[in-house]
Amino acid sequence: MRFTAFSRVDCFTISDISTPVASALFFLKQKSYYPGCDGLPWHFTGSVAAHFEEVLREAAKSAGCETGEIAGDPMERLIVKQNRQ
């Protein structure tokens, strides 16, 4: 299975992804790794993703991608889920 981090050789940065053309290219490149992912939401975790949530959502939208949950601290949700079981 490939993950978005797999393509770090592309060297996209927040400054790159905040421009309309580069943001669309970023998401289109990532989509190419996942055939059949059209229509599925993109989820992000980590403090950087949470800090730049608005930029990520706008970039995804410009590329025709749907964003799902953006969690700054995924442990909180894992703890809640574990406590429910």
C-alpha atoms as a PDB file:
ATOM      1  CA  MET A   1       0.000   0.000   0.000  1.00  0.00           C
ATOM      2  CA  ARG A   2       1.300   3.436  -0.834  1.00  0.00           C
ATOM      3  CA  PHE A   3       0.907   6.427   1.438  1.00  0.00           C
ATOM      4  CA  THR A   4       1.027  10.131   0.629  1.00  0.00           C
ATOM      5  CA  ALA A   5       4.359  10.380   2.447  1.00  0.00           C
ATOM      6  CA  PHE A   6       5.700   7.817  -0.051  1.00  0.00           C
ATOM      7  CA  SER A   7       6.102  10.568  -2.638  1.00  0.00           C
ATOM      8  CA  ARG A   8       8.282  12.894  -0.572  1.00  0.00           C
ATOM      9  CA  VAL A   9      10.693  12.950  -3.494  1.00  0.00           C
ATOM     10  CA  ASP A  10       8.243  15.400  -5.079  1.00  0.00           C
ATOM     11  CA  CYS A  11       9.335  17.967  -2.471  1.00  0.00           C
ATOM     12  CA  PHE A  12       5.982  19.713  -2.155  1.00  0.00           C
ATOM     13  CA  THR A  13       5.912  22.258   0.628  1.00  0.00           C
ATOM     14  CA  ILE A  14       3.110  24.315   2.092  1.00  0.00           C
ATOM     15  CA  SER A  15       4.258  27.255  -0.022  1.00  0.00           C
ATOM     16  CA  ASP A  16       3.985  25.046  -3.118  1.00  0.00           C
ATOM     17  CA  ILE A  17       0.585  23.657  -2.254  1.00  0.00           C
ATOM     18  CA  SER A  18      -0.839  27.091  -1.499  1.00  0.00           C
ATOM     19  CA  THR A  19      -0.614  28.106  -5.168  1.00  0.00           C
ATOM     20  CA  PRO A  20      -3.589  26.965  -7.252  1.00  0.00           C
ATOM     21  CA  VAL A  21      -1.632  25.158  -9.985  1.00  0.00           C
ATOM     22  CA  ALA A  22       0.774  23.374  -7.641  1.00  0.00           C
ATOM     23  CA  SER A  23      -2.002  22.356  -5.276  1.00  0.00           C
ATOM     24  CA  ALA A  24      -3.940  20.737  -8.088  1.00  0.00           C
ATOM     25  CA  LEU A  25      -0.773  18.972  -9.267  1.00  0.00           C
ATOM     26  CA  PHE A  26      -0.078  17.705  -5.736  1.00  0.00           C
ATOM     27  CA  PHE A  27      -3.489  16.091  -5.394  1.00  0.00           C
ATOM     28  CA  LEU A  28      -3.520  14.768  -8.962  1.00  0.00           C
ATOM     29  CA  LYS A  29      -0.100  13.186  -8.390  1.00  0.00           C
ATOM     30  CA  GLN A  30      -1.302  11.581  -5.150  1.00  0.00           C
ATOM     31  CA  LYS A  31      -4.480  10.324  -6.841  1.00  0.00           C
ATOM     32  CA  SER A  32      -2.340   8.563  -9.451  1.00  0.00           C
ATOM     33  CA  TYR A  33      -0.983   6.281  -6.703  1.00  0.00           C
ATOM     34  CA  TYR A  34      -4.490   5.124  -5.762  1.00  0.00           C
ATOM     35  CA  PRO A  35      -6.525   3.891  -8.717  1.00  0.00           C
ATOM     36  CA  GLY A  36     -10.209   3.876  -7.870  1.00  0.00           C
ATOM     37  CA  CYS A  37      -9.975   6.497  -5.124  1.00  0.00           C
ATOM     38  CA  ASP A  38     -12.243   8.982  -6.892  1.00  0.00           C
ATOM     39  CA  GLY A  39     -15.152   9.924  -4.698  1.00  0.00           C
ATOM     40  CA  LEU A  40     -13.401   8.934  -1.466  1.00  0.00           C
ATOM     41  CA  PRO A  41     -12.510  11.632   1.088  1.00  0.00           C
ATOM     42  CA  TRP A  42      -8.899  12.463   1.943  1.00  0.00           C
ATOM     43  CA  HIS A  43      -8.064  12.415   5.658  1.00  0.00           C
ATOM     44  CA  PHE A  44      -4.995  14.030   7.217  1.00  0.00           C
ATOM     45  CA  THR A  45      -3.362  13.661  10.625  1.00  0.00           C
ATOM     46  CA  GLY A  46      -0.724  15.622  12.463  1.00  0.00           C
ATOM     47  CA  SER A  47      -0.129  19.113  13.748  1.00  0.00           C
ATOM     48  CA  VAL A  48       1.124  20.452  10.402  1.00  0.00           C
ATOM     49  CA  ALA A  49      -2.011  19.276   8.615  1.00  0.00           C
ATOM     50  CA  ALA A  50      -4.180  20.779  11.360  1.00  0.00           C
ATOM     51  CA  HIS A  51      -2.338  24.100  11.217  1.00  0.00           C
ATOM     52  CA  PHE A  52      -2.745  24.316   7.444  1.00  0.00           C
ATOM     53  CA  GLU A  53      -6.249  22.831   7.360  1.00  0.00           C
ATOM     54  CA  GLU A  54      -7.723  25.694   5.335  1.00  0.00           C
ATOM     55  CA  VAL A  55      -4.909  25.503   2.765  1.00  0.00           C
ATOM     56  CA  LEU A  56      -5.339  21.726   2.438  1.00  0.00           C
ATOM     57  CA  ARG A  57      -9.102  21.995   2.019  1.00  0.00           C
ATOM     58  CA  GLU A  58      -8.784  24.689  -0.653  1.00  0.00           C
ATOM     59  CA  ALA A  59      -6.060  22.741  -2.470  1.00  0.00           C
ATOM     60  CA  ALA A  60      -8.127  19.554  -2.464  1.00  0.00           C
ATOM     61  CA  LYS A  61     -11.181  21.409  -3.685  1.00  0.00           C
ATOM     62  CA  SER A  62      -9.232  22.975  -6.559  1.00  0.00           C
ATOM     63  CA  ALA A  63      -8.190  19.477  -7.667  1.00  0.00           C
ATOM     64  CA  GLY A  64     -11.712  18.074  -7.346  1.00  0.00           C
ATOM     65  CA  CYS A  65     -10.888  16.057  -4.219  1.00  0.00           C
ATOM     66  CA  GLU A  66     -13.048  15.822  -1.115  1.00  0.00           C
ATOM     67  CA  THR A  67     -11.409  16.296   2.271  1.00  0.00           C
ATOM     68  CA  GLY A  68     -12.533  14.321   5.277  1.00  0.00           C
ATOM     69  CA  GLU A  69     -11.252  14.643   8.812  1.00  0.00           C
ATOM     70  CA  ILE A  70      -8.116  16.622   9.599  1.00  0.00           C
ATOM     71  CA  ALA A  71      -6.949  15.611  13.074  1.00  0.00           C
ATOM     72  CA  GLY A  72      -4.172  17.487  14.819  1.00  0.00           C
ATOM     73  CA  ASP A  73      -3.845  14.847  17.527  1.00  0.00           C
ATOM     74  CA  PRO A  74      -5.092  11.457  16.387  1.00  0.00           C
ATOM     75  CA  MET A  75      -4.440   9.923  19.813  1.00  0.00           C
ATOM     76  CA  GLU A  76      -7.453  11.695  21.316  1.00  0.00           C
ATOM     77  CA  ARG A  77      -9.805   9.950  18.905  1.00  0.00           C
ATOM     78  CA  LEU A  78      -8.067   6.602  19.366  1.00  0.00           C
ATOM     79  CA  ILE A  79      -8.428   6.847  23.141  1.00  0.00           C
ATOM     80  CA  VAL A  80     -12.127   7.684  22.871  1.00  0.00           C
ATOM     81  CA  LYS A  81     -12.696   4.821  20.445  1.00  0.00           C
ATOM     82  CA  GLN A  82     -10.783   2.383  22.661  1.00  0.00           C
ATOM     83  CA  ASN A  83     -12.761   3.438  25.741  1.00  0.00           C
ATOM     84  CA  ARG A  84     -16.050   2.755  23.924  1.00  0.00           C
ATOM     85  CA  GLN A  85     -15.089  -0.844  23.180  1.00  0.00           C
END
